[in-house]
N, C-alpha and C. Protein backbone atom coordinates (compact mmCIF):
# COMPACT_ATOMS: atom_id res chain seq x y z
N MET A 1 10.65 1.42 1.19
CA MET A 1 11.13 0.47 0.23
C MET A 1 10.56 0.82 -1.12
N VAL A 2 11.32 0.56 -2.13
CA VAL A 2 10.84 0.72 -3.50
C VAL A 2 11.04 -0.62 -4.20
N TRP A 3 9.94 -1.19 -4.66
CA TRP A 3 10.01 -2.41 -5.45
C TRP A 3 9.67 -2.07 -6.88
N ASP A 4 10.29 -2.79 -7.80
CA ASP A 4 9.88 -2.67 -9.20
C ASP A 4 9.69 -4.07 -9.75
N ALA A 5 9.18 -4.17 -10.95
CA ALA A 5 8.85 -5.47 -11.54
C ALA A 5 10.08 -6.35 -11.74
N GLN A 6 11.25 -5.75 -11.76
CA GLN A 6 12.49 -6.51 -11.97
C GLN A 6 13.12 -6.99 -10.67
N THR A 7 12.49 -6.71 -9.53
CA THR A 7 13.02 -7.13 -8.24
C THR A 7 13.19 -8.65 -8.24
N THR A 8 14.36 -9.09 -7.81
CA THR A 8 14.66 -10.52 -7.78
C THR A 8 14.41 -11.08 -6.38
N PRO A 9 14.25 -12.37 -6.27
CA PRO A 9 14.12 -12.99 -4.95
C PRO A 9 15.33 -12.68 -4.06
N GLU A 10 16.52 -12.63 -4.63
CA GLU A 10 17.72 -12.33 -3.86
C GLU A 10 17.71 -10.91 -3.31
N GLU A 11 17.24 -9.97 -4.12
CA GLU A 11 17.12 -8.58 -3.65
C GLU A 11 16.09 -8.49 -2.52
N MET A 12 15.00 -9.22 -2.65
CA MET A 12 13.99 -9.21 -1.61
C MET A 12 14.55 -9.79 -0.31
N ASP A 13 15.33 -10.87 -0.42
CA ASP A 13 15.97 -11.46 0.76
C ASP A 13 16.92 -10.47 1.43
N SER A 14 17.67 -9.74 0.62
CA SER A 14 18.62 -8.76 1.15
C SER A 14 17.89 -7.66 1.91
N VAL A 15 16.82 -7.14 1.34
CA VAL A 15 16.05 -6.09 2.00
C VAL A 15 15.42 -6.62 3.29
N THR A 16 14.92 -7.84 3.24
CA THR A 16 14.32 -8.45 4.43
C THR A 16 15.34 -8.54 5.56
N ALA A 17 16.56 -8.95 5.25
CA ALA A 17 17.61 -9.05 6.26
C ALA A 17 17.97 -7.67 6.82
N GLN A 18 18.04 -6.67 5.96
CA GLN A 18 18.35 -5.30 6.41
C GLN A 18 17.26 -4.79 7.34
N ILE A 19 16.01 -5.03 7.01
CA ILE A 19 14.92 -4.56 7.84
C ILE A 19 14.94 -5.26 9.19
N SER A 20 15.28 -6.52 9.20
CA SER A 20 15.39 -7.25 10.47
C SER A 20 16.42 -6.58 11.38
N GLN A 21 17.53 -6.15 10.81
CA GLN A 21 18.56 -5.45 11.60
C GLN A 21 18.06 -4.08 12.06
N PHE A 22 17.41 -3.34 11.18
CA PHE A 22 16.87 -2.03 11.54
C PHE A 22 15.84 -2.15 12.65
N SER A 23 15.05 -3.22 12.61
CA SER A 23 14.02 -3.44 13.61
C SER A 23 14.61 -3.47 15.02
N LYS A 24 15.74 -4.10 15.16
CA LYS A 24 16.40 -4.16 16.47
C LYS A 24 16.79 -2.76 16.94
N GLN A 25 17.25 -1.93 16.01
CA GLN A 25 17.63 -0.56 16.35
C GLN A 25 16.40 0.29 16.71
N LEU A 26 15.25 -0.09 16.18
CA LEU A 26 14.02 0.67 16.42
C LEU A 26 13.21 0.11 17.59
N GLY A 27 13.79 -0.80 18.32
CA GLY A 27 13.11 -1.36 19.48
C GLY A 27 12.06 -2.40 19.13
N GLY A 28 12.11 -2.94 17.93
CA GLY A 28 11.22 -4.03 17.55
C GLY A 28 9.82 -3.62 17.13
N SER A 29 9.61 -2.35 16.84
CA SER A 29 8.30 -1.88 16.39
C SER A 29 8.49 -0.80 15.33
N PHE A 30 7.87 -0.99 14.18
CA PHE A 30 8.07 -0.03 13.09
C PHE A 30 6.94 -0.14 12.08
N ASP A 31 6.81 0.89 11.25
CA ASP A 31 5.91 0.91 10.11
C ASP A 31 6.75 0.96 8.85
N VAL A 32 6.17 0.56 7.72
CA VAL A 32 6.89 0.65 6.45
C VAL A 32 6.06 1.36 5.40
N LEU A 33 6.75 2.05 4.53
CA LEU A 33 6.15 2.70 3.37
C LEU A 33 6.78 2.03 2.15
N VAL A 34 5.93 1.47 1.30
CA VAL A 34 6.41 0.71 0.15
C VAL A 34 5.90 1.38 -1.13
N ASP A 35 6.82 1.66 -2.03
CA ASP A 35 6.46 2.26 -3.32
C ASP A 35 6.50 1.17 -4.38
N MET A 36 5.32 0.83 -4.90
CA MET A 36 5.22 -0.20 -5.95
C MET A 36 4.52 0.37 -7.19
N ARG A 37 4.64 1.66 -7.40
CA ARG A 37 3.92 2.30 -8.50
C ARG A 37 4.33 1.78 -9.87
N THR A 38 5.56 1.32 -10.01
CA THR A 38 6.01 0.85 -11.32
C THR A 38 5.81 -0.65 -11.52
N VAL A 39 5.34 -1.33 -10.49
CA VAL A 39 5.14 -2.79 -10.59
C VAL A 39 3.79 -3.08 -11.23
N LYS A 40 3.82 -3.92 -12.24
CA LYS A 40 2.58 -4.44 -12.80
C LYS A 40 2.38 -5.84 -12.22
N VAL A 41 3.37 -6.70 -12.43
CA VAL A 41 3.31 -8.07 -11.94
C VAL A 41 4.72 -8.52 -11.57
N PHE A 42 4.83 -9.17 -10.42
CA PHE A 42 6.10 -9.80 -10.05
C PHE A 42 6.17 -11.17 -10.72
N LYS A 43 7.39 -11.64 -10.96
CA LYS A 43 7.60 -13.00 -11.43
C LYS A 43 7.14 -13.95 -10.33
N PRO A 44 6.72 -15.17 -10.67
CA PRO A 44 6.22 -16.11 -9.66
C PRO A 44 7.20 -16.34 -8.50
N GLU A 45 8.49 -16.46 -8.79
CA GLU A 45 9.46 -16.71 -7.72
C GLU A 45 9.60 -15.49 -6.80
N THR A 46 9.41 -14.31 -7.34
CA THR A 46 9.46 -13.10 -6.51
C THR A 46 8.18 -12.97 -5.70
N GLN A 47 7.06 -13.38 -6.26
CA GLN A 47 5.80 -13.38 -5.51
C GLN A 47 5.92 -14.26 -4.27
N ALA A 48 6.52 -15.44 -4.44
CA ALA A 48 6.71 -16.35 -3.31
C ALA A 48 7.59 -15.71 -2.24
N LYS A 49 8.63 -15.01 -2.66
CA LYS A 49 9.53 -14.32 -1.71
C LYS A 49 8.81 -13.18 -1.02
N LEU A 50 7.87 -12.54 -1.71
CA LEU A 50 7.12 -11.45 -1.10
C LEU A 50 6.31 -11.96 0.09
N VAL A 51 5.75 -13.15 -0.03
CA VAL A 51 5.01 -13.74 1.10
C VAL A 51 5.98 -13.95 2.27
N GLU A 52 7.14 -14.54 2.01
CA GLU A 52 8.14 -14.74 3.06
C GLU A 52 8.57 -13.41 3.66
N HIS A 53 8.76 -12.41 2.82
CA HIS A 53 9.16 -11.07 3.24
C HIS A 53 8.13 -10.48 4.21
N GLN A 54 6.85 -10.58 3.84
CA GLN A 54 5.80 -10.04 4.68
C GLN A 54 5.74 -10.76 6.03
N ILE A 55 5.89 -12.06 6.03
CA ILE A 55 5.89 -12.83 7.28
C ILE A 55 7.06 -12.41 8.15
N SER A 56 8.24 -12.27 7.55
CA SER A 56 9.43 -11.87 8.29
C SER A 56 9.27 -10.48 8.90
N LEU A 57 8.73 -9.54 8.13
CA LEU A 57 8.54 -8.19 8.66
C LEU A 57 7.56 -8.19 9.83
N LYS A 58 6.48 -8.94 9.71
CA LYS A 58 5.53 -9.05 10.83
C LYS A 58 6.25 -9.60 12.06
N ASN A 59 7.03 -10.64 11.88
CA ASN A 59 7.75 -11.26 12.99
C ASN A 59 8.83 -10.35 13.56
N SER A 60 9.31 -9.40 12.77
CA SER A 60 10.34 -8.46 13.23
C SER A 60 9.75 -7.24 13.92
N GLY A 61 8.42 -7.11 13.90
CA GLY A 61 7.78 -6.00 14.62
C GLY A 61 7.05 -4.98 13.78
N MET A 62 6.86 -5.26 12.49
CA MET A 62 6.13 -4.31 11.66
C MET A 62 4.70 -4.18 12.17
N GLN A 63 4.29 -2.95 12.38
CA GLN A 63 2.94 -2.68 12.85
C GLN A 63 1.98 -2.36 11.71
N ARG A 64 2.44 -1.53 10.76
CA ARG A 64 1.61 -1.13 9.63
C ARG A 64 2.46 -1.03 8.37
N ALA A 65 1.82 -1.33 7.24
CA ALA A 65 2.47 -1.16 5.94
C ALA A 65 1.54 -0.32 5.06
N ALA A 66 2.06 0.77 4.55
CA ALA A 66 1.33 1.61 3.60
C ALA A 66 1.99 1.42 2.25
N VAL A 67 1.24 0.89 1.30
CA VAL A 67 1.80 0.53 -0.01
C VAL A 67 1.18 1.41 -1.08
N VAL A 68 2.03 2.06 -1.85
CA VAL A 68 1.58 2.89 -2.96
C VAL A 68 1.61 2.02 -4.21
N ILE A 69 0.44 1.87 -4.84
CA ILE A 69 0.33 1.01 -6.01
C ILE A 69 -0.16 1.82 -7.21
N GLY A 70 0.12 1.28 -8.38
CA GLY A 70 -0.24 2.01 -9.59
C GLY A 70 -1.18 1.27 -10.51
N SER A 71 -1.57 0.03 -10.14
CA SER A 71 -2.46 -0.70 -11.04
C SER A 71 -3.35 -1.66 -10.26
N VAL A 72 -4.45 -2.00 -10.89
CA VAL A 72 -5.40 -2.95 -10.30
C VAL A 72 -4.76 -4.33 -10.20
N ILE A 73 -3.95 -4.69 -11.18
CA ILE A 73 -3.29 -5.99 -11.17
C ILE A 73 -2.35 -6.10 -9.97
N THR A 74 -1.62 -5.04 -9.69
CA THR A 74 -0.73 -5.04 -8.53
C THR A 74 -1.54 -5.18 -7.25
N LYS A 75 -2.65 -4.50 -7.18
CA LYS A 75 -3.52 -4.59 -6.00
C LYS A 75 -3.99 -6.02 -5.80
N MET A 76 -4.41 -6.68 -6.86
CA MET A 76 -4.86 -8.07 -6.75
C MET A 76 -3.73 -8.98 -6.29
N GLN A 77 -2.54 -8.77 -6.84
CA GLN A 77 -1.39 -9.58 -6.45
C GLN A 77 -1.06 -9.36 -4.97
N LEU A 78 -1.07 -8.12 -4.52
CA LEU A 78 -0.79 -7.83 -3.11
C LEU A 78 -1.84 -8.42 -2.19
N ASN A 79 -3.08 -8.36 -2.59
CA ASN A 79 -4.14 -8.95 -1.78
C ASN A 79 -3.91 -10.46 -1.62
N ARG A 80 -3.48 -11.10 -2.68
CA ARG A 80 -3.19 -12.54 -2.64
C ARG A 80 -2.00 -12.84 -1.73
N THR A 81 -0.93 -12.07 -1.86
CA THR A 81 0.25 -12.34 -1.02
C THR A 81 -0.02 -12.01 0.44
N SER A 82 -0.77 -10.95 0.69
CA SER A 82 -1.12 -10.60 2.07
C SER A 82 -1.94 -11.70 2.73
N LYS A 83 -2.86 -12.25 1.97
CA LYS A 83 -3.68 -13.34 2.50
C LYS A 83 -2.81 -14.55 2.81
N ALA A 84 -1.90 -14.90 1.90
CA ALA A 84 -1.01 -16.04 2.11
C ALA A 84 -0.10 -15.83 3.32
N ALA A 85 0.30 -14.57 3.56
CA ALA A 85 1.19 -14.25 4.68
C ALA A 85 0.43 -13.96 5.96
N GLU A 86 -0.90 -14.01 5.87
CA GLU A 86 -1.76 -13.65 7.01
C GLU A 86 -1.37 -12.27 7.54
N HIS A 87 -1.22 -11.37 6.59
CA HIS A 87 -0.76 -10.01 6.85
C HIS A 87 -1.94 -9.06 6.66
N SER A 88 -2.55 -8.64 7.77
CA SER A 88 -3.76 -7.83 7.69
C SER A 88 -3.53 -6.36 8.01
N THR A 89 -2.29 -5.94 8.16
CA THR A 89 -2.01 -4.55 8.52
C THR A 89 -1.60 -3.70 7.32
N GLU A 90 -1.73 -4.25 6.13
CA GLU A 90 -1.34 -3.52 4.93
C GLU A 90 -2.50 -2.66 4.42
N THR A 91 -2.20 -1.43 4.10
CA THR A 91 -3.15 -0.55 3.43
C THR A 91 -2.58 -0.16 2.09
N GLN A 92 -3.43 0.09 1.13
CA GLN A 92 -2.97 0.42 -0.21
C GLN A 92 -3.46 1.81 -0.59
N TRP A 93 -2.57 2.54 -1.25
CA TRP A 93 -2.82 3.95 -1.56
C TRP A 93 -2.45 4.23 -3.01
N GLU A 94 -3.05 5.28 -3.56
CA GLU A 94 -2.75 5.68 -4.93
C GLU A 94 -1.58 6.64 -5.02
N THR A 95 -1.33 7.39 -3.94
CA THR A 95 -0.23 8.35 -3.98
C THR A 95 0.68 8.19 -2.76
N TYR A 96 1.91 8.60 -2.95
CA TYR A 96 2.90 8.58 -1.88
C TYR A 96 2.45 9.46 -0.71
N ASP A 97 1.91 10.63 -1.03
CA ASP A 97 1.48 11.56 0.02
C ASP A 97 0.36 10.98 0.88
N GLU A 98 -0.59 10.28 0.26
CA GLU A 98 -1.67 9.65 1.03
C GLU A 98 -1.11 8.58 1.97
N ALA A 99 -0.19 7.77 1.47
CA ALA A 99 0.40 6.71 2.28
C ALA A 99 1.18 7.28 3.44
N LEU A 100 1.96 8.31 3.17
CA LEU A 100 2.76 8.94 4.23
C LEU A 100 1.86 9.60 5.27
N SER A 101 0.81 10.25 4.82
CA SER A 101 -0.14 10.87 5.73
C SER A 101 -0.76 9.83 6.66
N TYR A 102 -1.12 8.69 6.10
CA TYR A 102 -1.69 7.60 6.92
C TYR A 102 -0.70 7.16 8.01
N LEU A 103 0.56 7.00 7.65
CA LEU A 103 1.55 6.54 8.62
C LEU A 103 1.87 7.57 9.67
N ARG A 104 1.67 8.82 9.37
CA ARG A 104 1.97 9.89 10.33
C ARG A 104 0.89 10.03 11.39
N LYS A 105 -0.25 9.38 11.22
CA LYS A 105 -1.35 9.47 12.19
C LYS A 105 -1.02 8.75 13.46
């Protein structure tokens, strides 16, 4: 997934629904790689949707999330949303290659 600062709640809902469908095709267990390098801060309504998104992915079978971030502010925001979603399987990385390497283990 690639998120940017302009991501809307509706776009997040659409991606969440698509992943739910993909999960069924993958037997209900999957990892995700998220690119958030261009995100500084999400709008408050998108932040709220991100919590719902994380909960839905966990419930759909997500095992691990490797997130590529580009700023300390984004990291703080993700830590807050992960805590609200009780999502403890997220790892944060500075580069795409590091995140992908982690998921390949």
